[in-house]
N, C-alpha and C. Protein backbone atom coordinates (compact mmCIF):
# COMPACT_ATOMS: atom_id res chain seq x y z
N MET A 1 183.54 134.80 84.99
CA MET A 1 183.43 134.77 86.74
C MET A 1 183.90 136.14 87.70
N LYS A 2 182.41 136.14 88.27
CA LYS A 2 182.54 137.65 89.58
C LYS A 2 184.31 137.57 89.98
N GLU A 3 184.45 136.94 90.60
CA GLU A 3 185.78 137.18 91.29
C GLU A 3 186.94 137.63 90.45
N LYS A 4 187.11 137.09 88.84
CA LYS A 4 188.03 137.19 88.07
C LYS A 4 188.16 138.75 87.78
N LYS A 5 186.95 139.64 87.72
CA LYS A 5 186.80 140.84 87.42
C LYS A 5 187.22 141.83 88.42
N MET A 6 186.86 141.00 89.68
CA MET A 6 187.23 141.92 91.17
C MET A 6 189.35 141.75 91.62
N ALA A 7 189.75 140.71 90.32
CA ALA A 7 191.00 140.56 91.07
C ALA A 7 191.71 141.73 90.04
N GLU A 8 191.34 141.53 88.28
CA GLU A 8 191.21 142.58 87.40
C GLU A 8 191.60 144.44 87.64
N GLN A 9 190.51 144.49 88.53
CA GLN A 9 189.85 145.39 89.41
C GLN A 9 191.37 145.95 90.45
N LEU A 10 191.88 144.48 91.24
CA LEU A 10 192.30 144.90 92.51
C LEU A 10 193.67 145.47 91.50
N ASN A 11 193.89 144.47 90.80
CA ASN A 11 195.25 144.95 89.70
C ASN A 11 195.65 146.42 89.93
N GLN A 12 194.65 146.93 89.41
CA GLN A 12 194.56 148.06 89.04
C GLN A 12 195.10 148.98 90.11
N GLU A 13 194.05 148.81 91.25
CA GLU A 13 194.01 149.68 92.45
C GLU A 13 195.33 149.36 93.23
N LEU A 14 195.47 148.07 92.62
CA LEU A 14 196.85 148.03 93.07
C LEU A 14 197.90 149.02 92.92
N GLU A 15 198.13 149.79 91.61
CA GLU A 15 199.13 151.01 91.55
C GLU A 15 199.32 152.18 92.43
N SER A 16 198.35 152.57 93.15
CA SER A 16 197.46 153.04 94.34
C SER A 16 198.88 152.89 95.47
N PRO A 17 199.57 153.84 95.81
CA PRO A 17 200.42 153.61 96.96
C PRO A 17 199.44 153.09 98.87
N GLN A 18 198.57 154.15 98.63
CA GLN A 18 198.10 154.26 99.84
C GLN A 18 196.79 152.74 99.96
N VAL A 19 197.01 151.95 99.29
CA VAL A 19 196.13 150.47 99.56
C VAL A 19 197.11 149.85 100.46
N ILE A 20 195.82 149.90 101.96
CA ILE A 20 196.52 148.75 102.79
C ILE A 20 196.16 147.44 102.69
N VAL A 21 196.76 147.05 101.95
CA VAL A 21 197.14 145.72 102.16
C VAL A 21 197.35 144.60 102.87
N HIS A 22 197.68 144.72 103.92
CA HIS A 22 197.79 144.00 105.46
C HIS A 22 197.41 143.80 106.60
N LYS A 23 195.90 144.14 105.54
CA LYS A 23 194.40 144.73 107.30
C LYS A 23 193.39 143.77 106.45
N LEU A 24 192.67 143.16 107.57
CA LEU A 24 191.63 142.03 107.02
C LEU A 24 190.84 142.86 106.22
N ASP A 25 190.36 143.87 106.38
CA ASP A 25 189.34 144.58 105.53
C ASP A 25 189.93 144.74 104.62
N PHE A 26 191.20 144.89 103.66
CA PHE A 26 191.55 144.75 102.92
C PHE A 26 190.95 143.82 101.81
N LEU A 27 191.08 142.58 102.23
CA LEU A 27 190.02 141.31 101.43
C LEU A 27 189.16 141.57 101.67
N LYS A 28 188.71 141.85 102.48
CA LYS A 28 186.86 141.95 102.76
C LYS A 28 186.61 142.89 101.83
N SER A 29 186.98 143.67 101.92
CA SER A 29 186.72 144.56 100.51
C SER A 29 186.97 144.91 99.13
N SER A 30 188.06 143.67 98.99
CA SER A 30 188.50 143.49 98.02
C SER A 30 188.42 142.27 97.06
N GLY A 31 187.20 141.49 97.56
CA GLY A 31 186.46 140.46 96.99
C GLY A 31 186.82 139.01 97.24
N PHE A 32 188.03 139.09 98.17
CA PHE A 32 188.45 137.41 99.02
C PHE A 32 187.37 137.44 99.54
N ILE A 33 187.92 135.98 99.36
CA ILE A 33 186.19 134.90 100.66
C ILE A 33 186.79 134.00 101.09
N SER A 34 186.28 133.95 102.53
CA SER A 34 187.46 133.41 103.50
C SER A 34 186.77 131.34 103.41
N ILE A 35 187.32 130.94 103.59
CA ILE A 35 186.50 129.56 103.24
C ILE A 35 186.88 128.84 104.77
N GLY A 36 187.25 129.52 105.38
CA GLY A 36 187.76 128.93 107.14
C GLY A 36 189.12 128.84 107.38
N THR A 37 189.33 127.75 109.04
CA THR A 37 190.51 128.45 109.40
C THR A 37 191.28 126.87 109.24
N ILE A 38 192.37 127.10 109.25
CA ILE A 38 193.42 125.54 109.11
C ILE A 38 193.15 124.14 110.03
N LEU A 39 191.99 124.09 111.28
CA LEU A 39 191.64 123.39 112.08
C LEU A 39 190.81 123.06 111.06
N SER A 40 189.69 123.95 110.56
CA SER A 40 188.42 123.23 110.05
C SER A 40 188.13 122.62 108.97
N LEU A 41 189.45 123.43 107.62
CA LEU A 41 189.41 122.70 107.15
C LEU A 41 190.41 121.21 107.11
N GLN A 42 191.56 121.30 108.43
CA GLN A 42 191.46 119.82 108.71
C GLN A 42 190.85 118.69 109.10
N GLN A 43 189.99 118.87 109.56
CA GLN A 43 188.87 118.26 110.10
C GLN A 43 187.67 117.83 109.42
N ASN A 44 186.78 119.08 108.43
CA ASN A 44 185.99 119.09 107.35
C ASN A 44 186.46 118.55 106.41
N GLY A 45 187.23 120.01 105.52
CA GLY A 45 187.91 119.41 103.77
C GLY A 45 187.12 120.16 103.67
N PHE A 46 187.44 121.26 102.80
CA PHE A 46 187.10 122.24 101.99
C PHE A 46 185.30 122.55 101.56
N PRO A 47 185.45 123.82 101.63
CA PRO A 47 183.88 124.41 101.96
C PRO A 47 184.10 124.03 99.98
N ASP A 48 182.92 123.08 99.21
CA ASP A 48 182.25 123.71 98.03
C ASP A 48 181.63 124.68 96.78
N ILE A 49 182.50 125.19 96.28
CA ILE A 49 182.78 126.53 95.97
C ILE A 49 183.08 127.15 94.78
N GLU A 50 182.64 127.44 93.68
CA GLU A 50 183.11 127.27 92.26
C GLU A 50 184.37 128.39 92.71
N THR A 51 185.24 129.29 93.22
CA THR A 51 185.94 129.97 92.93
C THR A 51 187.46 128.57 93.71
N LEU A 52 187.07 128.01 94.47
CA LEU A 52 188.55 126.99 95.18
C LEU A 52 188.67 126.20 93.23
N ASN A 53 188.06 126.16 92.49
CA ASN A 53 188.29 125.52 91.28
C ASN A 53 189.72 126.24 89.93
N ALA A 54 188.98 127.35 90.81
CA ALA A 54 190.51 128.28 89.97
C ALA A 54 191.61 129.03 90.15
N CYS A 55 192.32 129.03 89.18
CA CYS A 55 194.12 129.18 89.76
C CYS A 55 193.32 130.71 90.31
N GLY A 56 194.46 131.28 91.39
CA GLY A 56 194.11 132.35 92.20
C GLY A 56 195.32 132.84 93.35
N VAL A 57 194.71 133.40 94.31
CA VAL A 57 196.13 133.42 95.42
C VAL A 57 194.83 134.05 96.20
N TYR A 58 196.25 133.59 97.16
CA TYR A 58 195.45 133.34 98.71
C TYR A 58 195.96 133.88 99.73
N SER A 59 195.75 133.89 101.42
CA SER A 59 195.98 134.91 102.41
C SER A 59 195.56 134.25 103.60
N MET A 60 196.72 134.27 104.27
CA MET A 60 196.32 133.63 105.33
C MET A 60 196.30 134.86 106.97
N VAL A 61 195.95 134.97 107.48
CA VAL A 61 195.27 135.82 108.27
C VAL A 61 195.07 135.59 109.74
N LYS A 62 196.24 135.65 111.00
CA LYS A 62 195.19 135.43 112.29
C LYS A 62 193.80 136.18 112.89
N PRO A 63 194.10 135.80 113.98
CA PRO A 63 192.76 136.12 114.94
C PRO A 63 193.14 137.34 115.15
N VAL A 64 191.99 137.61 115.70
CA VAL A 64 191.92 139.71 115.87
C VAL A 64 192.72 138.74 117.11
N ASN A 65 193.41 140.12 118.43
CA ASN A 65 194.31 140.05 119.17
C ASN A 65 195.38 138.94 119.25
N TYR A 66 195.81 138.49 118.78
CA TYR A 66 196.73 137.53 118.15
C TYR A 66 197.57 138.04 118.26
N ASN A 67 199.10 137.42 119.70
CA ASN A 67 200.08 137.67 119.72
C ASN A 67 200.74 136.74 119.52
N PRO A 68 201.52 136.45 118.65
CA PRO A 68 202.92 135.17 118.38
C PRO A 68 203.64 134.99 119.55
N GLU A 69 203.77 133.37 119.77
CA GLU A 69 204.66 132.69 120.68
C GLU A 69 204.56 131.42 119.60
N TYR A 70 205.96 131.09 119.71
CA TYR A 70 206.75 130.61 118.66
C TYR A 70 207.22 129.23 119.39
N PHE A 71 207.31 128.17 118.18
CA PHE A 71 207.70 127.15 118.48
C PHE A 71 209.49 126.37 118.54
N SER A 72 210.07 126.26 119.49
CA SER A 72 211.39 126.52 119.22
C SER A 72 211.49 125.64 117.60
N PRO A 73 212.70 125.37 117.15
CA PRO A 73 213.70 124.71 115.47
C PRO A 73 213.02 122.97 116.44
N SER A 74 213.55 122.22 117.99
CA SER A 74 213.36 120.95 117.94
C SER A 74 211.97 121.07 118.22
N GLU A 75 211.03 122.07 118.66
CA GLU A 75 209.42 121.52 118.53
C GLU A 75 209.00 121.56 117.41
N ALA A 76 208.74 122.65 117.23
CA ALA A 76 208.53 122.29 115.27
C ALA A 76 209.49 120.85 114.69
N LYS A 77 210.52 120.61 114.82
CA LYS A 77 210.24 119.27 114.45
C LYS A 77 209.99 118.20 115.00
N ASP A 78 209.99 117.98 115.83
CA ASP A 78 209.23 117.18 116.30
C ASP A 78 207.35 117.44 116.00
N ASN A 79 206.39 118.12 116.16
CA ASN A 79 205.91 118.68 115.80
C ASN A 79 204.96 118.59 114.24
N GLY A 80 206.12 117.79 113.17
CA GLY A 80 207.07 117.53 112.17
C GLY A 80 206.11 118.05 110.74
N ASN A 81 205.77 118.80 110.82
CA ASN A 81 204.44 120.07 110.42
C ASN A 81 206.51 121.33 109.56
N VAL A 82 207.21 121.19 110.03
CA VAL A 82 208.55 122.37 109.43
C VAL A 82 209.78 121.34 109.16
N ILE A 83 210.06 121.32 107.51
CA ILE A 83 211.36 120.93 107.07
C ILE A 83 212.18 121.64 107.65
N ALA A 84 211.98 122.85 107.76
CA ALA A 84 213.65 123.61 107.89
C ALA A 84 213.69 124.65 108.82
N PRO A 85 213.14 124.85 110.33
CA PRO A 85 212.91 125.84 111.32
C PRO A 85 213.57 126.82 111.41
N TRP A 86 213.54 127.95 112.39
CA TRP A 86 213.67 128.46 112.23
C TRP A 86 214.12 129.07 113.75
N ASP A 87 215.18 129.67 114.20
CA ASP A 87 215.46 129.87 115.37
C ASP A 87 214.63 130.97 115.51
N ILE A 88 213.67 131.29 117.51
CA ILE A 88 213.50 132.47 117.85
C ILE A 88 213.66 133.24 117.20
N GLU A 89 214.79 134.16 117.78
CA GLU A 89 215.12 134.90 116.89
C GLU A 89 214.70 136.33 116.08
N ARG A 90 215.23 134.94 114.59
CA ARG A 90 214.75 134.92 113.47
C ARG A 90 213.61 135.40 113.61
N LEU A 91 212.71 134.07 114.28
CA LEU A 91 211.37 134.61 113.78
C LEU A 91 209.73 135.95 114.18
N THR A 92 211.20 136.02 115.76
CA THR A 92 210.57 136.89 116.09
C THR A 92 211.10 138.62 115.03
N ARG A 93 211.89 138.52 114.60
CA ARG A 93 212.57 140.06 114.16
C ARG A 93 212.00 139.85 112.55
N LYS A 94 211.20 138.28 111.94
CA LYS A 94 210.27 138.55 111.01
C LYS A 94 208.90 138.76 111.71
N TRP A 95 208.60 138.74 112.58
CA TRP A 95 207.21 139.71 112.83
C TRP A 95 206.59 140.53 112.35
N VAL A 96 205.41 140.74 111.94
CA VAL A 96 205.63 141.92 111.22
C VAL A 96 204.23 142.47 112.76
N ASP A 97 204.40 143.50 113.60
CA ASP A 97 203.24 144.45 114.05
C ASP A 97 202.01 145.24 113.13
N ASP A 98 201.07 145.07 114.04
CA ASP A 98 200.07 145.64 112.81
C ASP A 98 199.89 144.90 111.96
N ALA A 99 199.91 144.33 111.19
CA ALA A 99 199.70 143.01 110.54
C ALA A 99 198.38 142.06 110.63
N ASP A 100 197.28 141.94 109.96
CA ASP A 100 196.63 141.06 110.48
C ASP A 100 197.19 139.47 109.00
N ILE A 101 197.49 139.97 107.81
CA ILE A 101 197.49 139.05 106.98
C ILE A 101 199.17 138.92 107.85
N LEU A 102 199.40 137.59 107.30
CA LEU A 102 200.54 136.50 107.81
C LEU A 102 201.37 135.74 106.52
N TYR A 103 200.59 135.62 105.36
CA TYR A 103 201.11 135.26 104.09
C TYR A 103 200.19 135.52 103.07
N TYR A 104 201.04 136.10 101.80
CA TYR A 104 200.16 135.37 100.50
C TYR A 104 200.78 134.50 99.62
N GLY A 105 199.98 133.44 99.34
CA GLY A 105 200.22 132.76 98.22
C GLY A 105 199.42 132.89 97.14
N LEU A 106 200.25 131.69 96.04
CA LEU A 106 199.05 131.90 94.65
C LEU A 106 198.51 130.12 94.78
N ALA A 107 197.79 129.79 94.06
CA ALA A 107 198.04 128.61 93.06
C ALA A 107 197.76 129.38 91.18
N GLY A 108 198.79 128.40 90.73
CA GLY A 108 199.08 128.54 88.91
C GLY A 108 199.59 129.71 88.65
N ALA A 109 201.55 129.63 89.36
CA ALA A 109 201.96 130.40 89.29
C ALA A 109 202.39 130.96 86.79
N ASN A 110 202.83 129.41 87.19
CA ASN A 110 203.38 128.82 85.23
C ASN A 110 202.45 128.25 84.20
N SER A 111 201.40 127.50 84.93
CA SER A 111 200.67 126.50 83.92
C SER A 111 199.24 126.87 85.52
N PRO A 112 197.48 126.57 84.52
CA PRO A 112 197.39 126.23 85.47
C PRO A 112 196.53 125.41 86.41
N ARG A 113 196.75 125.56 88.03
CA ARG A 113 195.63 124.82 88.53
C ARG A 113 195.30 125.45 89.37
N SER A 114 194.35 124.96 89.91
CA SER A 114 193.57 125.49 91.44
C SER A 114 193.34 126.01 92.16
N LEU A 115 193.34 126.50 93.19
CA LEU A 115 193.20 126.81 94.52
C LEU A 115 193.74 126.04 95.54
N LYS A 116 192.47 124.87 95.23
CA LYS A 116 191.88 123.87 95.75
C LYS A 116 193.11 123.02 96.61
N SER A 117 193.29 122.34 94.85
CA SER A 117 194.91 121.79 94.94
C SER A 117 195.85 122.78 95.64
N ARG A 118 196.33 124.36 95.46
CA ARG A 118 197.57 124.20 96.07
C ARG A 118 197.59 123.99 97.76
N LEU A 119 196.00 124.92 98.09
CA LEU A 119 195.69 124.60 99.07
C LEU A 119 195.37 123.50 100.13
N LYS A 120 195.23 122.05 99.54
CA LYS A 120 195.48 120.44 99.63
C LYS A 120 196.49 120.82 100.49
N ASP A 121 197.69 120.85 99.39
CA ASP A 121 199.16 120.75 99.68
C ASP A 121 199.26 121.80 101.14
N LEU A 122 199.44 122.79 101.86
CA LEU A 122 199.39 123.85 102.64
C LEU A 122 198.41 122.53 103.51
N VAL A 123 197.14 122.53 103.53
CA VAL A 123 196.83 122.20 105.07
C VAL A 123 197.32 120.30 104.68
N ASN A 124 198.06 119.73 104.28
CA ASN A 124 198.43 118.23 104.19
C ASN A 124 199.70 119.50 104.84
N HIS A 125 200.17 119.99 104.52
CA HIS A 125 201.89 120.40 105.23
C HIS A 125 201.52 120.56 106.75
N SER A 126 200.12 121.69 107.25
CA SER A 126 200.38 121.85 108.70
C SER A 126 199.92 120.19 109.05
N MET A 127 199.65 119.43 108.82
CA MET A 127 199.02 118.47 109.33
C MET A 127 200.25 117.44 109.37
N GLY A 128 201.36 117.90 108.90
CA GLY A 128 202.83 116.84 108.66
C GLY A 128 202.98 115.66 107.86
N PHE A 129 201.80 115.82 106.22
CA PHE A 129 202.22 114.97 105.58
C PHE A 129 203.82 115.94 105.04
N VAL A 130 204.61 115.50 105.30
CA VAL A 130 205.33 116.32 104.72
C VAL A 130 206.50 115.39 103.88
N THR A 131 207.45 115.86 103.28
CA THR A 131 208.48 115.55 102.49
C THR A 131 209.78 116.78 102.82
N ASP A 132 211.25 116.30 101.66
CA ASP A 132 211.63 117.87 101.89
C ASP A 132 211.90 118.66 101.15
N ARG A 133 210.68 118.24 100.56
CA ARG A 133 210.51 119.15 99.83
C ARG A 133 209.08 120.03 99.48
N GLY A 134 208.45 119.19 100.23
CA GLY A 134 207.28 120.10 101.07
C GLY A 134 205.96 119.11 101.01
N PRO A 135 205.02 119.22 100.74
CA PRO A 135 204.02 119.38 99.40
C PRO A 135 204.02 121.09 99.53
N HIS A 136 204.10 121.96 100.61
CA HIS A 136 204.00 123.42 100.70
C HIS A 136 205.01 124.36 101.32
N LYS A 137 206.37 124.09 100.93
CA LYS A 137 207.26 124.61 101.90
C LYS A 137 207.58 125.41 101.65
N GLY A 138 206.92 126.39 100.89
CA GLY A 138 207.09 128.14 101.26
C GLY A 138 205.69 128.54 102.07
N GLY A 139 206.35 129.55 102.62
CA GLY A 139 205.32 129.96 104.47
C GLY A 139 205.32 129.22 105.33
N GLU A 140 206.44 127.93 105.77
CA GLU A 140 206.32 126.85 106.22
C GLU A 140 206.07 127.31 107.64
N ILE A 141 207.39 128.77 107.91
CA ILE A 141 207.53 128.74 109.47
C ILE A 141 206.29 128.98 110.14
N ILE A 142 204.92 129.57 109.34
CA ILE A 142 204.17 129.83 110.05
C ILE A 142 203.45 128.64 110.91
N TRP A 143 204.35 127.38 110.57
CA TRP A 143 204.14 126.38 111.41
C TRP A 143 204.08 126.27 112.59
N GLN A 144 205.49 127.78 113.16
CA GLN A 144 205.88 127.59 114.40
C GLN A 144 205.18 128.36 115.11
N LEU A 145 204.13 129.33 114.70
CA LEU A 145 203.56 129.65 115.44
C LEU A 145 202.52 128.98 115.91
N SER A 146 203.05 128.99 117.76
CA SER A 146 201.52 128.11 118.27
C SER A 146 199.81 128.98 118.13
N GLY A 147 199.12 127.92 118.02
CA GLY A 147 197.57 128.39 118.08
C GLY A 147 197.61 129.11 116.02
N TYR A 148 198.52 128.05 115.26
CA TYR A 148 197.91 128.46 113.89
C TYR A 148 197.04 128.18 113.08
N GLU A 149 196.02 127.08 113.52
CA GLU A 149 195.34 126.12 113.67
C GLU A 149 194.39 126.73 113.64
N ASN A 150 194.60 128.52 113.98
CA ASN A 150 192.98 129.02 114.06
C ASN A 150 193.15 129.68 113.02
N PHE A 151 194.28 130.15 112.33
CA PHE A 151 194.90 131.01 111.03
C PHE A 151 193.48 130.41 109.99
N GLU A 152 193.17 132.22 109.50
CA GLU A 152 192.38 131.62 108.72
C GLU A 152 193.03 132.11 107.03
N ILE A 153 192.05 131.29 106.57
CA ILE A 153 192.44 131.53 104.90
C ILE A 153 191.01 132.46 104.22
N TRP A 154 191.53 133.17 103.39
CA TRP A 154 190.95 133.70 102.25
C TRP A 154 191.79 133.63 101.10
N VAL A 155 190.90 133.58 99.84
CA VAL A 155 190.75 132.65 98.72
C VAL A 155 190.48 134.51 97.65
N LEU A 156 191.20 134.62 96.34
CA LEU A 156 190.41 135.24 95.36
C LEU A 156 191.02 134.03 93.83
N ALA A 157 189.83 134.18 92.83
CA ALA A 157 190.42 134.16 91.58
C ALA A 157 190.59 134.80 90.71
N THR A 158 191.58 134.64 90.48
CA THR A 158 191.90 135.64 89.48
C THR A 158 192.31 135.54 88.21
N GLY A 159 191.84 133.88 87.22
CA GLY A 159 192.11 133.68 85.66
C GLY A 159 192.81 132.94 86.03
N ASN A 160 193.80 132.16 84.17
CA ASN A 160 195.14 131.29 84.59
C ASN A 160 196.01 132.87 84.62
N PRO A 161 197.35 131.55 84.42
CA PRO A 161 198.46 132.35 84.54
C PRO A 161 198.79 133.20 83.37
N PRO A 162 199.29 134.30 83.81
CA PRO A 162 200.07 134.41 84.28
C PRO A 162 199.47 135.13 85.78
N ALA A 163 198.93 135.41 85.76
CA ALA A 163 197.78 136.39 86.72
C ALA A 163 197.92 136.65 87.95
N PRO A 164 198.07 135.27 87.89
CA PRO A 164 197.85 135.10 89.70
C PRO A 164 199.09 135.44 90.20
N ARG A 165 200.49 135.23 89.90
CA ARG A 165 201.25 135.94 90.10
C ARG A 165 201.59 137.15 89.91
N ILE A 166 201.35 137.63 88.79
CA ILE A 166 202.10 139.22 89.08
C ILE A 166 200.71 139.65 90.18
N LEU A 167 199.32 139.12 90.76
CA LEU A 167 198.79 139.73 91.27
C LEU A 167 199.35 139.34 92.95
N GLU A 168 199.82 138.74 93.08
CA GLU A 168 200.25 138.35 94.31
C GLU A 168 201.83 138.70 94.90
N GLU A 169 202.11 139.17 93.44
CA GLU A 169 203.80 139.53 93.13
C GLU A 169 203.74 141.89 94.03
N LYS A 170 202.17 141.66 93.73
CA LYS A 170 201.36 143.12 92.98
C LYS A 170 200.80 143.33 95.34
N LEU A 171 200.63 142.21 95.67
CA LEU A 171 200.15 142.54 97.00
C LEU A 171 201.23 141.96 97.73
N ILE A 172 202.19 141.80 97.46
CA ILE A 172 203.71 141.35 98.45
C ILE A 172 204.22 142.77 98.11
N ARG A 173 203.83 143.08 96.71
CA ARG A 173 205.31 144.43 97.31
C ARG A 173 204.84 145.58 98.00
N GLN A 174 202.62 145.47 97.98
CA GLN A 174 202.41 146.77 98.72
C GLN A 174 202.34 146.40 100.17
N PHE A 175 202.49 145.11 100.41
CA PHE A 175 202.73 144.87 101.37
C PHE A 175 204.27 145.60 102.90
N TYR A 176 204.98 145.34 101.48
CA TYR A 176 206.32 145.76 101.84
C TYR A 176 205.98 147.31 101.69
N GLN A 177 205.94 147.87 101.75
CA GLN A 177 205.51 149.51 101.43
C GLN A 177 204.67 150.12 102.37
N SER A 178 203.82 149.76 102.55
CA SER A 178 202.98 149.74 103.71
C SER A 178 203.81 149.75 105.18
N THR A 179 205.03 148.73 105.20
CA THR A 179 204.91 148.19 106.68
C THR A 179 206.12 148.10 106.31
N GLY A 180 207.49 148.14 105.86
CA GLY A 180 208.52 148.26 105.99
C GLY A 180 209.26 146.49 105.68
N LYS A 181 208.46 145.69 105.53
CA LYS A 181 208.65 144.13 105.73
C LYS A 181 208.17 144.08 104.89
N LEU A 182 208.47 142.08 104.27
CA LEU A 182 207.53 140.99 104.04
C LEU A 182 205.97 140.48 104.70
N PRO A 183 205.15 139.55 104.64
CA PRO A 183 204.25 139.53 105.44
C PRO A 183 205.05 138.20 106.33
N PHE A 184 204.83 137.35 107.02
CA PHE A 184 205.88 137.68 108.18
C PHE A 184 205.68 136.08 107.72
N ALA A 185 204.98 135.24 106.63
CA ALA A 185 205.69 134.13 105.71
C ALA A 185 206.10 133.85 104.44
N ASN A 186 206.30 135.40 104.30
CA ASN A 186 206.91 135.70 103.38
C ASN A 186 208.09 135.62 102.77
N ARG A 187 209.29 135.07 101.89
CA ARG A 187 210.69 135.24 101.84
C ARG A 187 210.23 136.51 100.67
N GLN A 188 210.19 136.18 99.38
CA GLN A 188 210.47 137.13 98.55
C GLN A 188 209.00 137.51 97.64
N PHE A 189 209.69 138.62 97.06
CA PHE A 189 208.79 139.08 96.38
C PHE A 189 207.63 138.59 95.57
């Protein structure tokens, strides 16, 4: 699969500290594919593309000129899609100026799992179909950002585990090297 070769090449490129992984141009030049906004995925489902049947990594990207506005913890609870909301001061400190990328995630950490399956969890979580464990608790502070339905999802197939986890960790570490922070909705490497 062409995407898997791109993922392997990307793994090698990420050895260089000059790679700028916090910008949309990076995703475009690295073989990531846009599958739509959160809203379009909520309303229309997922596109019928082979990439979504593979393990891989994905990213959530804010719109151009987006300025963060946050839902308070009580508003987030009322929205029904945040299990453990953060206070606005903490969210403000977590925001990464000059970054287009808000989150890096993966499908297939320890056993094969498709991007489509993992991203269905993400979209279901955005719509409030949650329990105390998820289904996609990682990165859920995304849903405390006003306008999250306009955030775009980009995907890249990698091959089976451990490839998705290795690439995700490299992307997050490189993001941290470039910006001094983790992506907004990531909490660990």
